[in-house]
N, C-alpha and C. Protein backbone atom coordinates (compact mmCIF):
# COMPACT_ATOMS: atom_id res chain seq x y z
N MET A 1 -6.10 1.14 -19.51
CA MET A 1 -6.66 0.50 -19.09
C MET A 1 -6.44 1.25 -17.72
N SER A 2 -7.51 1.95 -17.24
CA SER A 2 -7.83 3.07 -16.31
C SER A 2 -9.03 3.42 -15.08
N GLN A 3 -8.51 3.05 -14.06
CA GLN A 3 -9.54 2.96 -13.13
C GLN A 3 -9.50 4.48 -12.70
N MET A 4 -11.34 4.71 -11.57
CA MET A 4 -11.96 5.33 -11.78
C MET A 4 -10.80 6.55 -11.40
N TYR A 5 -11.42 7.46 -11.46
CA TYR A 5 -10.29 8.39 -10.29
C TYR A 5 -11.37 9.03 -8.82
N ASP A 6 -10.54 9.03 -7.78
CA ASP A 6 -11.01 9.16 -6.11
C ASP A 6 -10.24 9.77 -5.46
N GLU A 7 -10.30 11.39 -5.56
CA GLU A 7 -9.11 11.68 -4.50
C GLU A 7 -9.26 11.36 -2.96
N SER A 8 -10.34 10.90 -3.01
CA SER A 8 -10.57 10.59 -1.65
C SER A 8 -9.80 9.09 -1.16
N ARG A 9 -9.37 8.08 -2.22
CA ARG A 9 -8.78 6.96 -1.81
C ARG A 9 -7.13 7.62 -2.68
N ARG A 10 -6.54 5.90 -1.77
CA ARG A 10 -4.58 5.93 -2.44
C ARG A 10 -5.08 4.76 -2.49
N PHE A 11 -3.88 5.26 -4.24
CA PHE A 11 -4.06 3.88 -4.62
C PHE A 11 -2.88 2.88 -5.70
N GLY A 12 -1.84 2.49 -4.80
CA GLY A 12 -1.15 1.69 -5.45
C GLY A 12 -1.06 0.44 -6.46
N VAL A 13 0.59 0.23 -6.86
CA VAL A 13 -0.25 -1.35 -7.94
C VAL A 13 1.27 -1.62 -7.50
N VAL A 14 1.16 -3.60 -8.05
CA VAL A 14 2.11 -4.20 -6.92
C VAL A 14 2.57 -4.76 -8.14
N ALA A 15 4.42 -5.49 -9.03
CA ALA A 15 4.05 -5.94 -9.36
C ALA A 15 4.46 -7.44 -9.28
N VAL A 16 4.23 -8.41 -9.57
CA VAL A 16 4.26 -10.10 -9.57
C VAL A 16 5.29 -10.12 -11.24
N VAL A 17 6.46 -10.51 -10.39
CA VAL A 17 7.00 -11.18 -11.68
C VAL A 17 8.22 -12.22 -10.94
N VAL A 18 7.35 -13.24 -12.46
CA VAL A 18 7.71 -15.32 -12.11
C VAL A 18 8.27 -14.98 -13.54
N ARG A 19 9.29 -16.45 -12.96
CA ARG A 19 10.65 -16.22 -13.92
C ARG A 19 11.31 -17.34 -13.29
N ASP A 20 10.77 -18.62 -13.59
CA ASP A 20 11.00 -19.76 -13.65
C ASP A 20 10.42 -20.49 -12.25
N GLY A 21 9.32 -20.41 -12.32
CA GLY A 21 8.84 -20.85 -10.58
C GLY A 21 9.05 -20.00 -9.54
N LEU A 22 10.41 -19.06 -9.68
CA LEU A 22 10.78 -17.88 -8.85
C LEU A 22 9.78 -16.49 -8.60
N PHE A 23 9.65 -16.14 -7.81
CA PHE A 23 8.91 -14.53 -7.75
C PHE A 23 10.05 -13.51 -7.21
N LEU A 24 10.09 -12.48 -8.78
CA LEU A 24 10.92 -11.04 -8.06
C LEU A 24 10.16 -10.13 -6.58
N VAL A 25 10.78 -10.37 -5.25
CA VAL A 25 10.60 -9.72 -4.23
C VAL A 25 11.90 -8.81 -4.05
N ILE A 26 11.85 -7.80 -3.16
CA ILE A 26 12.58 -6.72 -3.39
C ILE A 26 13.04 -6.81 -1.28
N CYS A 27 14.07 -6.03 -1.01
CA CYS A 27 14.05 -5.62 0.21
C CYS A 27 13.53 -4.16 0.09
N ARG A 28 12.63 -3.12 1.00
CA ARG A 28 12.41 -2.22 1.29
C ARG A 28 13.88 -1.10 1.62
N SER A 29 14.87 0.02 0.65
CA SER A 29 15.78 0.68 1.62
C SER A 29 15.13 1.24 2.81
N ASP A 30 16.08 1.82 3.63
CA ASP A 30 16.01 2.65 4.80
C ASP A 30 14.95 3.36 5.44
N THR A 31 15.39 4.48 3.92
CA THR A 31 14.53 5.96 3.91
C THR A 31 12.79 5.32 2.95
N VAL A 32 12.51 4.40 3.05
CA VAL A 32 11.41 4.43 2.10
C VAL A 32 9.60 3.83 3.12
N ILE A 33 8.95 3.38 3.34
CA ILE A 33 7.43 3.80 4.52
C ILE A 33 8.37 1.54 4.40
N ALA A 34 8.25 1.02 5.61
CA ALA A 34 8.70 -0.33 5.93
C ALA A 34 10.06 -0.76 5.68
N PRO A 35 10.54 -0.43 6.44
CA PRO A 35 12.30 -0.06 5.57
C PRO A 35 12.10 -1.68 5.88
N GLY A 36 13.28 -2.05 5.35
CA GLY A 36 13.91 -3.81 5.56
C GLY A 36 12.74 -4.78 5.48
N MET A 37 11.40 -4.48 5.47
CA MET A 37 11.20 -5.09 4.47
C MET A 37 10.46 -5.55 2.98
N ILE A 38 10.43 -7.26 3.42
CA ILE A 38 10.37 -7.85 1.79
C ILE A 38 9.13 -7.91 1.41
N ALA A 39 9.22 -7.44 -0.28
CA ALA A 39 7.06 -7.18 -0.92
C ALA A 39 7.75 -7.79 -2.09
N PHE A 40 6.77 -7.15 -2.69
CA PHE A 40 7.07 -7.39 -4.49
C PHE A 40 7.18 -5.30 -4.76
N PRO A 41 7.64 -5.38 -6.43
CA PRO A 41 8.01 -4.44 -5.66
C PRO A 41 6.85 -3.07 -6.21
N GLY A 42 6.46 -1.73 -6.23
CA GLY A 42 5.63 -1.28 -6.89
C GLY A 42 5.53 0.05 -5.86
N GLY A 43 4.19 0.46 -6.53
CA GLY A 43 4.27 1.95 -5.74
C GLY A 43 2.93 2.30 -6.10
N ALA A 44 3.09 4.14 -5.53
CA ALA A 44 1.58 4.92 -5.80
C ALA A 44 0.93 5.20 -7.19
N VAL A 45 -0.07 4.85 -7.44
CA VAL A 45 -0.49 6.19 -8.19
C VAL A 45 -0.25 7.03 -8.59
N GLU A 46 0.47 8.16 -8.93
CA GLU A 46 0.30 8.76 -9.56
C GLU A 46 -0.70 10.07 -10.39
N GLY A 47 -1.44 11.03 -9.68
CA GLY A 47 -2.04 11.89 -11.10
C GLY A 47 -3.14 10.84 -11.74
N ARG A 48 -3.68 10.53 -12.61
CA ARG A 48 -3.47 10.48 -13.54
C ARG A 48 -3.44 9.43 -14.48
N GLU A 49 -2.45 8.26 -13.88
CA GLU A 49 -2.28 8.31 -14.70
C GLU A 49 -2.64 6.37 -14.61
N SER A 50 -2.80 5.25 -15.37
CA SER A 50 -3.55 3.84 -15.59
C SER A 50 -2.09 3.26 -14.37
N GLU A 51 -2.57 2.02 -13.87
CA GLU A 51 -2.29 1.33 -13.05
C GLU A 51 -1.17 0.86 -14.08
N ALA A 52 -1.46 0.03 -15.37
CA ALA A 52 -0.11 -0.47 -16.09
C ALA A 52 1.25 0.68 -15.80
N GLU A 53 0.28 2.24 -16.47
CA GLU A 53 1.51 3.19 -16.00
C GLU A 53 2.69 3.25 -14.56
N THR A 54 1.79 2.73 -13.81
CA THR A 54 2.29 2.79 -12.86
C THR A 54 2.97 2.25 -12.97
N LEU A 55 2.69 0.74 -12.80
CA LEU A 55 3.61 -0.01 -13.06
C LEU A 55 4.61 0.12 -13.29
N VAL A 56 4.43 0.05 -15.12
CA VAL A 56 5.86 0.28 -15.38
C VAL A 56 7.19 1.63 -15.36
N ARG A 57 6.24 2.48 -14.62
CA ARG A 57 7.26 3.92 -14.11
C ARG A 57 7.56 3.31 -12.95
N GLU A 58 7.09 2.83 -11.82
CA GLU A 58 7.82 2.67 -10.93
C GLU A 58 8.94 1.10 -11.23
N ILE A 59 8.83 0.42 -11.74
CA ILE A 59 9.49 -0.49 -11.88
C ILE A 59 11.15 -0.06 -12.33
N ARG A 60 10.43 1.26 -13.33
CA ARG A 60 11.77 1.83 -14.12
C ARG A 60 12.12 2.63 -12.94
N GLU A 61 11.39 3.40 -11.50
CA GLU A 61 12.60 3.69 -10.48
C GLU A 61 12.75 3.71 -10.27
N GLU A 62 12.27 2.04 -9.86
CA GLU A 62 13.10 0.95 -8.49
C GLU A 62 13.51 0.08 -8.47
N LEU A 63 13.56 -0.18 -10.11
CA LEU A 63 15.35 -1.12 -10.58
C LEU A 63 15.42 -1.00 -11.93
N GLY A 64 15.29 -0.10 -12.47
CA GLY A 64 15.80 0.97 -13.54
C GLY A 64 15.70 -0.94 -14.54
N VAL A 65 14.71 -0.96 -15.00
CA VAL A 65 14.32 -2.12 -16.12
C VAL A 65 13.35 -1.67 -16.60
N THR A 66 12.83 -1.97 -18.20
CA THR A 66 11.20 -1.86 -18.21
C THR A 66 10.42 -2.91 -18.52
N ILE A 67 9.06 -2.92 -17.72
CA ILE A 67 7.82 -3.98 -17.04
C ILE A 67 7.36 -4.40 -18.30
N THR A 68 7.03 -4.98 -18.43
CA THR A 68 5.37 -5.37 -19.92
C THR A 68 4.67 -5.74 -19.49
N PRO A 69 3.68 -5.18 -18.73
CA PRO A 69 2.21 -5.40 -17.89
C PRO A 69 1.72 -6.34 -18.54
N VAL A 70 1.34 -7.99 -18.02
CA VAL A 70 0.77 -8.97 -18.95
C VAL A 70 -0.56 -9.14 -18.44
N ARG A 71 -1.37 -8.59 -16.80
CA ARG A 71 -2.95 -8.00 -16.41
C ARG A 71 -2.94 -8.32 -14.81
N ARG A 72 -4.07 -7.53 -14.71
CA ARG A 72 -4.19 -7.49 -13.67
C ARG A 72 -4.50 -8.68 -12.75
N ILE A 73 -4.64 -8.86 -11.35
CA ILE A 73 -4.56 -10.57 -11.33
C ILE A 73 -5.38 -10.68 -9.54
N TRP A 74 -5.59 -9.44 -9.30
CA TRP A 74 -5.74 -9.74 -7.75
C TRP A 74 -5.56 -7.99 -7.72
N ARG A 75 -6.10 -7.77 -6.56
CA ARG A 75 -6.66 -6.09 -5.72
C ARG A 75 -7.23 -6.76 -4.08
N SER A 76 -6.54 -5.86 -3.27
CA SER A 76 -6.66 -5.80 -1.35
C SER A 76 -6.34 -4.49 -1.29
N VAL A 77 -7.08 -4.01 -0.01
CA VAL A 77 -7.48 -2.94 0.18
C VAL A 77 -6.29 -3.01 1.48
N THR A 78 -4.98 -1.97 1.84
CA THR A 78 -4.07 -2.30 2.95
C THR A 78 -5.32 -2.52 4.46
N PRO A 79 -4.98 -2.35 5.79
CA PRO A 79 -5.84 -1.37 6.74
C PRO A 79 -5.16 -0.26 7.17
N TRP A 80 -4.85 0.64 5.99
CA TRP A 80 -4.52 2.20 5.91
C TRP A 80 -5.52 3.30 5.07
N ASN A 81 -6.07 1.46 4.08
CA ASN A 81 -6.97 2.30 3.22
C ASN A 81 -6.39 2.67 2.20
N VAL A 82 -4.45 2.14 1.70
CA VAL A 82 -4.61 1.99 0.05
C VAL A 82 -5.50 1.53 -0.46
N GLU A 83 -5.48 1.45 -1.91
CA GLU A 83 -6.41 0.51 -2.73
C GLU A 83 -5.04 -0.64 -3.18
N LEU A 84 -5.39 -1.37 -3.31
CA LEU A 84 -3.60 -2.24 -4.58
C LEU A 84 -4.62 -2.87 -5.32
N ALA A 85 -3.35 -2.90 -7.21
CA ALA A 85 -3.85 -3.34 -8.17
C ALA A 85 -2.71 -4.14 -8.29
N TRP A 86 -2.50 -5.49 -8.36
CA TRP A 86 -1.46 -6.76 -7.93
C TRP A 86 -1.79 -6.76 -9.57
N TRP A 87 -0.49 -6.56 -9.99
CA TRP A 87 0.25 -6.60 -12.26
C TRP A 87 1.05 -8.25 -11.98
N LEU A 88 1.19 -8.76 -13.39
CA LEU A 88 1.70 -10.23 -13.28
C LEU A 88 2.23 -9.39 -14.34
N GLY A 89 3.77 -9.16 -14.44
CA GLY A 89 4.60 -8.83 -15.84
C GLY A 89 5.11 -9.02 -15.36
N GLN A 90 6.36 -8.73 -16.61
CA GLN A 90 7.40 -9.66 -17.64
C GLN A 90 8.78 -8.66 -17.25
N ILE A 91 9.88 -9.25 -17.02
CA ILE A 91 10.86 -8.45 -17.29
C ILE A 91 11.83 -9.58 -18.16
N ASP A 92 12.50 -9.11 -19.51
CA ASP A 92 12.58 -9.92 -19.81
C ASP A 92 14.13 -10.30 -19.64
N LYS A 93 14.70 -11.29 -19.81
CA LYS A 93 15.91 -11.94 -18.71
C LYS A 93 17.49 -11.72 -19.39
N GLY A 94 16.96 -10.72 -20.46
CA GLY A 94 18.08 -9.81 -20.99
C GLY A 94 18.80 -8.37 -20.27
N GLN A 95 17.62 -7.98 -19.95
CA GLN A 95 17.52 -6.61 -18.75
C GLN A 95 18.65 -7.63 -17.34
N THR A 96 18.93 -6.31 -16.77
CA THR A 96 20.39 -6.78 -15.51
C THR A 96 19.26 -5.59 -14.72
N LEU A 97 18.78 -5.94 -13.50
CA LEU A 97 18.27 -5.27 -12.85
C LEU A 97 19.30 -3.96 -12.41
N LYS A 98 18.76 -3.14 -11.66
CA LYS A 98 20.26 -2.10 -11.36
C LYS A 98 19.57 -1.42 -10.01
N PRO A 99 18.79 -1.71 -8.78
CA PRO A 99 18.07 -0.88 -7.53
C PRO A 99 18.43 -0.71 -7.36
N ASN A 100 17.61 0.95 -7.72
CA ASN A 100 18.23 2.10 -6.51
C ASN A 100 18.18 2.51 -5.19
N PRO A 101 19.42 2.71 -4.85
CA PRO A 101 19.46 1.90 -3.45
C PRO A 101 18.64 3.46 -2.76
N ALA A 102 18.02 4.11 -3.20
CA ALA A 102 17.12 5.43 -2.26
C ALA A 102 15.67 4.95 -1.99
N GLU A 103 15.29 3.41 -2.34
CA GLU A 103 14.13 2.24 -2.34
C GLU A 103 14.32 0.97 -2.09
N VAL A 104 15.83 0.10 -2.66
CA VAL A 104 15.53 -1.01 -2.73
C VAL A 104 17.23 -1.14 -2.56
N ALA A 105 17.29 -2.27 -1.10
CA ALA A 105 18.09 -2.40 -0.29
C ALA A 105 18.74 -3.59 -1.41
N SER A 106 18.04 -4.50 -1.95
CA SER A 106 18.61 -5.06 -1.95
C SER A 106 16.90 -6.12 -3.04
N THR A 107 17.21 -7.33 -4.15
CA THR A 107 17.07 -7.90 -5.05
C THR A 107 16.73 -9.99 -4.90
N HIS A 108 16.04 -9.94 -4.87
CA HIS A 108 16.21 -11.64 -4.33
C HIS A 108 14.85 -12.74 -5.50
N TRP A 109 15.33 -13.84 -5.82
CA TRP A 109 14.62 -14.53 -7.31
C TRP A 109 14.37 -15.24 -5.68
N VAL A 110 12.96 -16.36 -5.30
CA VAL A 110 12.16 -17.11 -4.18
C VAL A 110 11.05 -17.50 -4.35
N SER A 111 11.34 -18.54 -4.19
CA SER A 111 9.79 -19.15 -4.02
C SER A 111 9.23 -19.29 -3.54
N ALA A 112 7.89 -18.84 -3.67
CA ALA A 112 6.37 -19.16 -2.48
C ALA A 112 6.78 -20.08 -1.20
N GLU A 113 7.02 -20.75 -1.63
CA GLU A 113 7.87 -21.42 -0.59
C GLU A 113 8.34 -21.29 1.03
N ASP A 114 9.73 -20.60 -0.37
CA ASP A 114 10.70 -20.15 0.38
C ASP A 114 10.06 -18.34 0.83
N MET A 115 9.54 -18.40 0.30
CA MET A 115 8.87 -16.22 0.92
C MET A 115 8.56 -16.45 1.92
N ARG A 116 7.40 -17.58 2.35
CA ARG A 116 6.63 -17.68 3.48
C ARG A 116 7.86 -17.27 4.60
N LYS A 117 8.66 -17.94 4.23
CA LYS A 117 9.72 -18.38 6.17
C LYS A 117 10.90 -16.75 6.00
N LEU A 118 10.12 -15.58 5.51
CA LEU A 118 11.13 -14.62 5.88
C LEU A 118 10.36 -14.01 6.86
N PRO A 119 11.34 -13.57 7.61
CA PRO A 119 10.88 -13.31 9.17
C PRO A 119 10.32 -11.42 8.68
N ASN A 120 11.04 -11.24 8.25
CA ASN A 120 10.32 -9.87 7.60
C ASN A 120 9.14 -9.30 6.26
N LEU A 121 8.53 -10.81 5.67
CA LEU A 121 7.99 -10.58 5.22
C LEU A 121 6.32 -9.48 5.40
N LEU A 122 5.99 -8.30 3.93
CA LEU A 122 5.30 -7.81 4.84
C LEU A 122 3.79 -8.25 4.72
N GLU A 123 2.52 -7.80 6.09
CA GLU A 123 1.91 -9.17 6.07
C GLU A 123 0.40 -9.37 5.03
N SER A 124 1.04 -8.11 3.62
CA SER A 124 0.10 -7.92 2.53
C SER A 124 0.43 -9.30 1.46
N MET A 125 1.52 -9.45 1.68
CA MET A 125 2.91 -10.65 0.40
C MET A 125 2.06 -12.52 1.43
N HIS A 126 1.31 -11.76 2.68
CA HIS A 126 1.09 -13.39 3.91
C HIS A 126 -0.59 -13.76 3.01
N ARG A 127 -1.38 -12.19 2.72
CA ARG A 127 -2.63 -12.94 1.85
C ARG A 127 -1.96 -12.96 1.15
N PHE A 128 -1.32 -12.68 0.05
CA PHE A 128 -1.14 -12.39 -1.53
C PHE A 128 -1.17 -14.10 -1.78
N LEU A 129 -0.10 -14.43 -1.36
CA LEU A 129 0.05 -15.80 -1.47
C LEU A 129 -0.70 -17.04 -0.47
N ASP A 130 -1.48 -16.73 0.91
CA ASP A 130 -2.89 -17.19 0.63
C ASP A 130 -3.96 -17.23 -0.75
N ALA A 131 -3.84 -16.46 -0.11
CA ALA A 131 -4.95 -16.36 -2.48
C ALA A 131 -5.04 -17.55 -3.40
N MET A 132 -2.78 -17.09 -3.64
CA MET A 132 -2.80 -17.61 -4.87
C MET A 132 -3.16 -19.37 -4.36
N GLU A 133 -2.75 -19.69 -2.41
CA GLU A 133 -2.82 -20.94 -2.52
C GLU A 133 -4.22 -21.63 -2.87
N MET A 134 -5.65 -20.77 -2.30
CA MET A 134 -6.35 -20.90 -2.54
C MET A 134 -7.32 -21.50 -4.04
N GLY A 135 -5.96 -20.96 -4.97
CA GLY A 135 -6.86 -20.72 -6.41
C GLY A 135 -7.15 -19.86 -6.19
N GLN A 136 -7.77 -18.11 -6.58
CA GLN A 136 -8.12 -17.04 -6.24
C GLN A 136 -6.98 -16.46 -7.30
N ILE A 137 -5.52 -16.57 -7.35
CA ILE A 137 -5.08 -15.92 -7.56
C ILE A 137 -3.67 -17.04 -8.81
N ASP A 138 -4.04 -16.86 -10.17
CA ASP A 138 -3.16 -17.42 -11.09
C ASP A 138 -2.25 -16.95 -11.87
N VAL A 139 -0.53 -16.99 -11.26
CA VAL A 139 0.62 -16.47 -11.83
C VAL A 139 0.56 -16.85 -13.37
N ASN A 140 0.67 -18.13 -13.69
CA ASN A 140 0.94 -18.35 -15.01
C ASN A 140 0.14 -18.25 -15.88
N GLY A 141 -0.70 -18.78 -15.96
CA GLY A 141 -1.75 -18.34 -17.05
C GLY A 141 -2.28 -16.33 -17.50
N GLY A 142 -1.67 -16.64 -19.11
CA GLY A 142 -1.43 -15.35 -20.20
C GLY A 142 0.29 -15.53 -19.53
N LEU A 143 0.92 -15.85 -19.51
CA LEU A 143 2.49 -15.96 -19.99
C LEU A 143 2.95 -16.44 -20.99
């Protein structure tokens, strides 16, 4: 799976991992953009890699585990003109998350309802939750 390559635009991939009704979120480390903010893991597409390849690389770099891309479930564009592809992914329960402290301060499994209550939740996460509540995003199908 690949997207059209466009040098004038920046692209990123977001990993949406759901297990037993809880979402995997990270608190960003102090050394990355938006330090201390809560978000789904993910990052920038490098070169001509596909969205799925980016997802696998970013999760390995940030959390030290292997993710299986399931499907793209949403797209959005940030106020900074970064196009985000939100991907549903699976991480086997047998893998232990090993957060890279240069990128991730902590990891958490939270419900959508509890995620909304977090004071340091990135704005794009609120938009994602809004779209999910309106039925525009299905995080259950395909698992």
